[in-house]
PDB file of N, CA and C in Angstrom:
ATOM      1  N   MET A   1      16.208  88.346 -52.012  1.00  0.00           N
ATOM      2  CA  MET A   1      17.151  89.373 -51.624  1.00  0.00           C
ATOM      3  C   MET A   1      17.389  90.355 -52.772  1.00  0.00           C
ATOM      4  N   LYS A   2      17.521  89.821 -54.010  1.00  0.00           N
ATOM      5  CA  LYS A   2      17.738  90.698 -55.159  1.00  0.00           C
ATOM      6  C   LYS A   2      16.533  91.605 -55.385  1.00  0.00           C
ATOM      7  N   ASP A   3      15.309  91.043 -55.181  1.00  0.00           N
ATOM      8  CA  ASP A   3      14.096  91.855 -55.348  1.00  0.00           C
ATOM      9  C   ASP A   3      14.059  92.984 -54.333  1.00  0.00           C
ATOM     10  N   THR A   4      14.460  92.693 -53.098  1.00  0.00           N
ATOM     11  CA  THR A   4      14.459  93.713 -52.048  1.00  0.00           C
ATOM     12  C   THR A   4      15.405  94.850 -52.407  1.00  0.00           C
ATOM     13  N   ILE A   5      16.592  94.507 -52.845  1.00  0.00           N
ATOM     14  CA  ILE A   5      17.578  95.527 -53.206  1.00  0.00           C
ATOM     15  C   ILE A   5      17.074  96.346 -54.389  1.00  0.00           C
ATOM     16  N   LEU A   6      16.497  95.676 -55.390  1.00  0.00           N
ATOM     17  CA  LEU A   6      15.975  96.388 -56.553  1.00  0.00           C
ATOM     18  C   LEU A   6      14.861  97.350 -56.158  1.00  0.00           C
ATOM     19  N   ILE A   7      13.949  96.906 -55.303  1.00  0.00           N
ATOM     20  CA  ILE A   7      12.845  97.763 -54.862  1.00  0.00           C
ATOM     21  C   ILE A   7      13.372  98.959 -54.090  1.00  0.00           C
ATOM     22  N   LEU A   8      14.353  98.737 -53.225  1.00  0.00           N
ATOM     23  CA  LEU A   8      14.914  99.841 -52.454  1.00  0.00           C
ATOM     24  C   LEU A   8      15.622 100.844 -53.360  1.00  0.00           C
ATOM     25  N   ILE A   9      16.327 100.350 -54.358  1.00  0.00           N
ATOM     26  CA  ILE A   9      17.002 101.254 -55.296  1.00  0.00           C
ATOM     27  C   ILE A   9      15.973 102.058 -56.081  1.00  0.00           C
ATOM     28  N   LEU A  10      14.918 101.397 -56.548  1.00  0.00           N
ATOM     29  CA  LEU A  10      13.873 102.105 -57.292  1.00  0.00           C
ATOM     30  C   LEU A  10      13.157 103.122 -56.416  1.00  0.00           C
ATOM     31  N   ALA A  11      12.882 102.751 -55.163  1.00  0.00           N
ATOM     32  CA  ALA A  11      12.210 103.679 -54.251  1.00  0.00           C
ATOM     33  C   ALA A  11      13.089 104.894 -53.984  1.00  0.00           C
ATOM     34  N   THR A  12      14.373 104.665 -53.757  1.00  0.00           N
ATOM     35  CA  THR A  12      15.292 105.766 -53.491  1.00  0.00           C
ATOM     36  C   THR A  12      15.441 106.656 -54.719  1.00  0.00           C
ATOM     37  N   SER A  13      15.575 106.046 -55.895  1.00  0.00           N
ATOM     38  CA  SER A  13      15.743 106.857 -57.100  1.00  0.00           C
ATOM     39  C   SER A  13      14.481 107.655 -57.412  1.00  0.00           C
ATOM     40  N   ALA A  14      13.309 107.116 -57.076  1.00  0.00           N
ATOM     41  CA  ALA A  14      12.064 107.866 -57.290  1.00  0.00           C
ATOM     42  C   ALA A  14      12.032 109.103 -56.411  1.00  0.00           C
ATOM     43  N   LEU A  15      12.503 108.970 -55.181  1.00  0.00           N
ATOM     44  CA  LEU A  15      12.531 110.121 -54.281  1.00  0.00           C
ATOM     45  C   LEU A  15      13.570 111.147 -54.714  1.00  0.00           C
ATOM     46  N   VAL A  16      14.732 110.672 -55.138  1.00  0.00           N
ATOM     47  CA  VAL A  16      15.806 111.575 -55.542  1.00  0.00           C
ATOM     48  C   VAL A  16      15.452 112.281 -56.849  1.00  0.00           C
ATOM     49  N   ALA A  17      14.719 111.617 -57.731  1.00  0.00           N
ATOM     50  CA  ALA A  17      14.380 112.192 -59.033  1.00  0.00           C
ATOM     51  C   ALA A  17      13.402 113.356 -58.936  1.00  0.00           C
ATOM     52  N   LEU A  18      12.635 113.410 -57.849  1.00  0.00           N
ATOM     53  CA  LEU A  18      11.684 114.511 -57.691  1.00  0.00           C
ATOM     54  C   LEU A  18      12.422 115.807 -57.387  1.00  0.00           C
ATOM     55  N   PRO A  19      12.060 116.897 -58.029  1.00  0.00           N
ATOM     56  CA  PRO A  19      12.648 118.182 -57.653  1.00  0.00           C
ATOM     57  C   PRO A  19      12.249 118.526 -56.223  1.00  0.00           C
ATOM     58  N   SER A  20      13.129 119.172 -55.502  1.00  0.00           N
ATOM     59  CA  SER A  20      12.842 119.457 -54.095  1.00  0.00           C
ATOM     60  C   SER A  20      11.597 120.307 -53.927  1.00  0.00           C
ATOM     61  N   SER A  21      11.305 121.193 -54.866  1.00  0.00           N
ATOM     62  CA  SER A  21      10.106 122.026 -54.737  1.00  0.00           C
ATOM     63  C   SER A  21       8.846 121.180 -54.786  1.00  0.00           C
ATOM     64  N   SER A  22       8.839 120.110 -55.611  1.00  0.00           N
ATOM     65  CA  SER A  22       7.639 119.281 -55.681  1.00  0.00           C
ATOM     66  C   SER A  22       7.466 118.459 -54.411  1.00  0.00           C
ATOM     67  N   VAL A  23       8.564 118.073 -53.790  1.00  0.00           N
ATOM     68  CA  VAL A  23       8.461 117.302 -52.557  1.00  0.00           C
ATOM     69  C   VAL A  23       7.821 118.138 -51.469  1.00  0.00           C
ATOM     70  N   TYR A  24       8.194 119.396 -51.362  1.00  0.00           N
ATOM     71  CA  TYR A  24       7.699 120.233 -50.274  1.00  0.00           C
ATOM     72  C   TYR A  24       6.418 120.987 -50.609  1.00  0.00           C
ATOM     73  N   GLU A  25       6.209 121.358 -51.873  1.00  0.00           N
ATOM     74  CA  GLU A  25       5.064 122.190 -52.218  1.00  0.00           C
ATOM     75  C   GLU A  25       3.910 121.411 -52.831  1.00  0.00           C
ATOM     76  N   ASP A  26       4.191 120.427 -53.682  1.00  0.00           N
ATOM     77  CA  ASP A  26       3.141 119.747 -54.422  1.00  0.00           C
ATOM     78  C   ASP A  26       2.686 118.433 -53.791  1.00  0.00           C
ATOM     79  N   THR A  27       3.435 117.885 -52.871  1.00  0.00           N
ATOM     80  CA  THR A  27       3.100 116.597 -52.284  1.00  0.00           C
ATOM     81  C   THR A  27       2.267 116.811 -51.035  1.00  0.00           C
ATOM     82  N   THR A  28       1.017 116.384 -51.083  1.00  0.00           N
ATOM     83  CA  THR A  28       0.168 116.518 -49.899  1.00  0.00           C
ATOM     84  C   THR A  28       0.339 115.335 -48.960  1.00  0.00           C
ATOM     85  N   ILE A  29       0.775 114.188 -49.503  1.00  0.00           N
ATOM     86  CA  ILE A  29       1.034 113.011 -48.682  1.00  0.00           C
ATOM     87  C   ILE A  29       2.530 112.728 -48.788  1.00  0.00           C
ATOM     88  N   PRO A  30       3.284 112.837 -47.709  1.00  0.00           N
ATOM     89  CA  PRO A  30       4.742 112.695 -47.805  1.00  0.00           C
ATOM     90  C   PRO A  30       5.178 111.252 -48.040  1.00  0.00           C
ATOM     91  N   SER A  31       6.373 111.115 -48.581  1.00  0.00           N
ATOM     92  CA  SER A  31       7.007 109.810 -48.693  1.00  0.00           C
ATOM     93  C   SER A  31       7.789 109.566 -47.415  1.00  0.00           C
ATOM     94  N   TYR A  32       7.830 108.304 -46.970  1.00  0.00           N
ATOM     95  CA  TYR A  32       8.578 108.020 -45.753  1.00  0.00           C
ATOM     96  C   TYR A  32       9.092 106.590 -45.743  1.00  0.00           C
ATOM     97  N   ASP A  33      10.005 106.332 -44.829  1.00  0.00           N
ATOM     98  CA  ASP A  33      10.631 105.027 -44.647  1.00  0.00           C
ATOM     99  C   ASP A  33      10.683 104.776 -43.145  1.00  0.00           C
ATOM    100  N   THR A  34      10.023 103.721 -42.680  1.00  0.00           N
ATOM    101  CA  THR A  34       9.930 103.429 -41.252  1.00  0.00           C
ATOM    102  C   THR A  34      10.435 102.017 -40.987  1.00  0.00           C
ATOM    103  N   THR A  35      11.159 101.834 -39.884  1.00  0.00           N
ATOM    104  CA  THR A  35      11.602 100.494 -39.486  1.00  0.00           C
ATOM    105  C   THR A  35      11.180 100.222 -38.054  1.00  0.00           C
ATOM    106  N   TRP A  36      10.933  98.943 -37.746  1.00  0.00           N
ATOM    107  CA  TRP A  36      10.607  98.546 -36.379  1.00  0.00           C
ATOM    108  C   TRP A  36      10.880  97.055 -36.212  1.00  0.00           C
ATOM    109  N   THR A  37      10.907  96.604 -34.947  1.00  0.00           N
ATOM    110  CA  THR A  37      11.121  95.198 -34.617  1.00  0.00           C
ATOM    111  C   THR A  37       9.905  94.687 -33.868  1.00  0.00           C
ATOM    112  N   GLU A  38       9.459  93.488 -34.246  1.00  0.00           N
ATOM    113  CA  GLU A  38       8.288  92.885 -33.616  1.00  0.00           C
ATOM    114  C   GLU A  38       8.520  91.385 -33.510  1.00  0.00           C
ATOM    115  N   ASN A  39       8.493  90.844 -32.289  1.00  0.00           N
ATOM    116  CA  ASN A  39       8.707  89.410 -32.045  1.00  0.00           C
ATOM    117  C   ASN A  39       9.996  88.895 -32.684  1.00  0.00           C
ATOM    118  N   GLY A  40      11.048  89.688 -32.624  1.00  0.00           N
ATOM    119  CA  GLY A  40      12.342  89.285 -33.158  1.00  0.00           C
ATOM    120  C   GLY A  40      12.502  89.475 -34.661  1.00  0.00           C
ATOM    121  N   ASP A  41      11.452  89.876 -35.350  1.00  0.00           N
ATOM    122  CA  ASP A  41      11.522  90.122 -36.789  1.00  0.00           C
ATOM    123  C   ASP A  41      11.734  91.608 -37.045  1.00  0.00           C
ATOM    124  N   ARG A  42      12.560  91.925 -38.053  1.00  0.00           N
ATOM    125  CA  ARG A  42      12.782  93.314 -38.455  1.00  0.00           C
ATOM    126  C   ARG A  42      11.828  93.658 -39.587  1.00  0.00           C
ATOM    127  N   TYR A  43      11.115  94.742 -39.440  1.00  0.00           N
ATOM    128  CA  TYR A  43      10.171  95.198 -40.458  1.00  0.00           C
ATOM    129  C   TYR A  43      10.599  96.562 -40.986  1.00  0.00           C
ATOM    130  N   ARG A  44      10.270  96.799 -42.244  1.00  0.00           N
ATOM    131  CA  ARG A  44      10.520  98.104 -42.856  1.00  0.00           C
ATOM    132  C   ARG A  44       9.335  98.426 -43.761  1.00  0.00           C
ATOM    133  N   GLN A  45       8.817  99.635 -43.637  1.00  0.00           N
ATOM    134  CA  GLN A  45       7.727 100.077 -44.501  1.00  0.00           C
ATOM    135  C   GLN A  45       8.183 101.306 -45.264  1.00  0.00           C
ATOM    136  N   ILE A  46       8.019 101.249 -46.570  1.00  0.00           N
ATOM    137  CA  ILE A  46       8.380 102.365 -47.440  1.00  0.00           C
ATOM    138  C   ILE A  46       7.096 102.840 -48.118  1.00  0.00           C
ATOM    139  N   TYR A  47       6.837 104.131 -48.025  1.00  0.00           N
ATOM    140  CA  TYR A  47       5.652 104.722 -48.652  1.00  0.00           C
ATOM    141  C   TYR A  47       6.121 105.808 -49.611  1.00  0.00           C
ATOM    142  N   ILE A  48       5.642 105.763 -50.838  1.00  0.00           N
ATOM    143  CA  ILE A  48       6.032 106.744 -51.849  1.00  0.00           C
ATOM    144  C   ILE A  48       4.774 107.291 -52.509  1.00  0.00           C
ATOM    145  N   CYS A  49       4.652 108.595 -52.520  1.00  0.00           N
ATOM    146  CA  CYS A  49       3.545 109.256 -53.214  1.00  0.00           C
ATOM    147  C   CYS A  49       4.131 109.977 -54.425  1.00  0.00           C
ATOM    148  N   ASP A  50       3.807 109.498 -55.604  1.00  0.00           N
ATOM    149  CA  ASP A  50       4.308 110.094 -56.843  1.00  0.00           C
ATOM    150  C   ASP A  50       3.191 110.933 -57.453  1.00  0.00           C
ATOM    151  N   ARG A  51       3.261 112.250 -57.251  1.00  0.00           N
ATOM    152  CA  ARG A  51       2.205 113.145 -57.727  1.00  0.00           C
ATOM    153  C   ARG A  51       2.172 113.208 -59.258  1.00  0.00           C
ATOM    154  N   LYS A  52       3.320 113.085 -59.903  1.00  0.00           N
ATOM    155  CA  LYS A  52       3.360 113.156 -61.362  1.00  0.00           C
ATOM    156  C   LYS A  52       2.622 111.969 -61.984  1.00  0.00           C
ATOM    157  N   GLU A  53       2.898 110.774 -61.500  1.00  0.00           N
ATOM    158  CA  GLU A  53       2.239 109.567 -62.008  1.00  0.00           C
ATOM    159  C   GLU A  53       0.902 109.305 -61.316  1.00  0.00           C
ATOM    160  N   ARG A  54       0.604 110.085 -60.285  1.00  0.00           N
ATOM    161  CA  ARG A  54      -0.624 109.958 -59.492  1.00  0.00           C
ATOM    162  C   ARG A  54      -0.767 108.547 -58.906  1.00  0.00           C
ATOM    163  N   THR A  55       0.323 108.085 -58.254  1.00  0.00           N
ATOM    164  CA  THR A  55       0.301 106.769 -57.623  1.00  0.00           C
ATOM    165  C   THR A  55       0.822 106.854 -56.197  1.00  0.00           C
ATOM    166  N   GLU A  56       0.347 105.936 -55.384  1.00  0.00           N
ATOM    167  CA  GLU A  56       0.867 105.723 -54.035  1.00  0.00           C
ATOM    168  C   GLU A  56       1.378 104.290 -53.988  1.00  0.00           C
ATOM    169  N   THR A  57       2.593 104.103 -53.501  1.00  0.00           N
ATOM    170  CA  THR A  57       3.180 102.775 -53.416  1.00  0.00           C
ATOM    171  C   THR A  57       3.547 102.487 -51.974  1.00  0.00           C
ATOM    172  N   VAL A  58       3.160 101.303 -51.496  1.00  0.00           N
ATOM    173  CA  VAL A  58       3.520 100.846 -50.158  1.00  0.00           C
ATOM    174  C   VAL A  58       4.301  99.550 -50.317  1.00  0.00           C
ATOM    175  N   ILE A  59       5.464  99.492 -49.680  1.00  0.00           N
ATOM    176  CA  ILE A  59       6.299  98.294 -49.693  1.00  0.00           C
ATOM    177  C   ILE A  59       6.554  97.914 -48.242  1.00  0.00           C
ATOM    178  N   ILE A  60       6.259  96.667 -47.872  1.00  0.00           N
ATOM    179  CA  ILE A  60       6.533  96.184 -46.520  1.00  0.00           C
ATOM    180  C   ILE A  60       7.514  95.022 -46.631  1.00  0.00           C
ATOM    181  N   ILE A  61       8.602  95.106 -45.869  1.00  0.00           N
ATOM    182  CA  ILE A  61       9.680  94.121 -45.908  1.00  0.00           C
ATOM    183  C   ILE A  61       9.848  93.537 -44.510  1.00  0.00           C
ATOM    184  N   ARG A  62       9.962  92.204 -44.413  1.00  0.00           N
ATOM    185  CA  ARG A  62      10.256  91.548 -43.138  1.00  0.00           C
ATOM    186  C   ARG A  62      11.519  90.715 -43.319  1.00  0.00           C
ATOM    187  N   ASN A  63      12.534  91.017 -42.522  1.00  0.00           N
ATOM    188  CA  ASN A  63      13.797  90.266 -42.557  1.00  0.00           C
ATOM    189  C   ASN A  63      14.324  90.086 -43.987  1.00  0.00           C
ATOM    190  N   ASP A  64      14.397  91.150 -44.756  1.00  0.00           N
ATOM    191  CA  ASP A  64      14.925  91.161 -46.124  1.00  0.00           C
ATOM    192  C   ASP A  64      14.044  90.438 -47.142  1.00  0.00           C
ATOM    193  N   SER A  65      12.792  90.128 -46.791  1.00  0.00           N
ATOM    194  CA  SER A  65      11.848  89.528 -47.735  1.00  0.00           C
ATOM    195  C   SER A  65      10.671  90.479 -47.931  1.00  0.00           C
ATOM    196  N   VAL A  66      10.307  90.723 -49.171  1.00  0.00           N
ATOM    197  CA  VAL A  66       9.189  91.617 -49.454  1.00  0.00           C
ATOM    198  C   VAL A  66       7.884  90.882 -49.156  1.00  0.00           C
ATOM    199  N   LEU A  67       7.100  91.419 -48.213  1.00  0.00           N
ATOM    200  CA  LEU A  67       5.801  90.840 -47.887  1.00  0.00           C
ATOM    201  C   LEU A  67       4.703  91.415 -48.762  1.00  0.00           C
ATOM    202  N   LEU A  68       4.799  92.713 -49.050  1.00  0.00           N
ATOM    203  CA  LEU A  68       3.740  93.392 -49.789  1.00  0.00           C
ATOM    204  C   LEU A  68       4.336  94.514 -50.614  1.00  0.00           C
ATOM    205  N   ARG A  69       3.892  94.601 -51.847  1.00  0.00           N
ATOM    206  CA  ARG A  69       4.203  95.761 -52.691  1.00  0.00           C
ATOM    207  C   ARG A  69       2.914  96.095 -53.413  1.00  0.00           C
ATOM    208  N   GLU A  70       2.345  97.226 -53.061  1.00  0.00           N
ATOM    209  CA  GLU A  70       1.044  97.597 -53.608  1.00  0.00           C
ATOM    210  C   GLU A  70       1.102  99.019 -54.151  1.00  0.00           C
ATOM    211  N   THR A  71       0.663  99.189 -55.388  1.00  0.00           N
ATOM    212  CA  THR A  71       0.604 100.514 -55.999  1.00  0.00           C
ATOM    213  C   THR A  71      -0.846 100.829 -56.321  1.00  0.00           C
ATOM    214  N   THR A  72      -1.281 102.022 -55.906  1.00  0.00           N
ATOM    215  CA  THR A  72      -2.658 102.455 -56.105  1.00  0.00           C
ATOM    216  C   THR A  72      -2.665 103.769 -56.873  1.00  0.00           C
ATOM    217  N   LYS A  73      -3.490 103.874 -57.894  1.00  0.00           N
ATOM    218  CA  LYS A  73      -3.656 105.142 -58.630  1.00  0.00           C
ATOM    219  C   LYS A  73      -4.678 105.998 -57.917  1.00  0.00           C
ATOM    220  N   PHE A  74      -4.468 107.314 -57.946  1.00  0.00           N
ATOM    221  CA  PHE A  74      -5.459 108.230 -57.365  1.00  0.00           C
ATOM    222  C   PHE A  74      -5.767 109.349 -58.320  1.00  0.00           C
TER     223      PHE A  74
END
């Protein structure tokens, strides 16, 4: 649970730290946060594209447990 909260705080702060012009003008792949329910489980997917660090991060959470956190350099 603590890891989930920490990841969400870091993901949110990464999005907030970007200047608005870079989000709209320099980001070719948008950041997003999606939630859905499947077989009674709650899922959340967070995608962050950090153009400055040249990384893409995908975080998948099921019922408050992190299933996957993957960062790829491009």
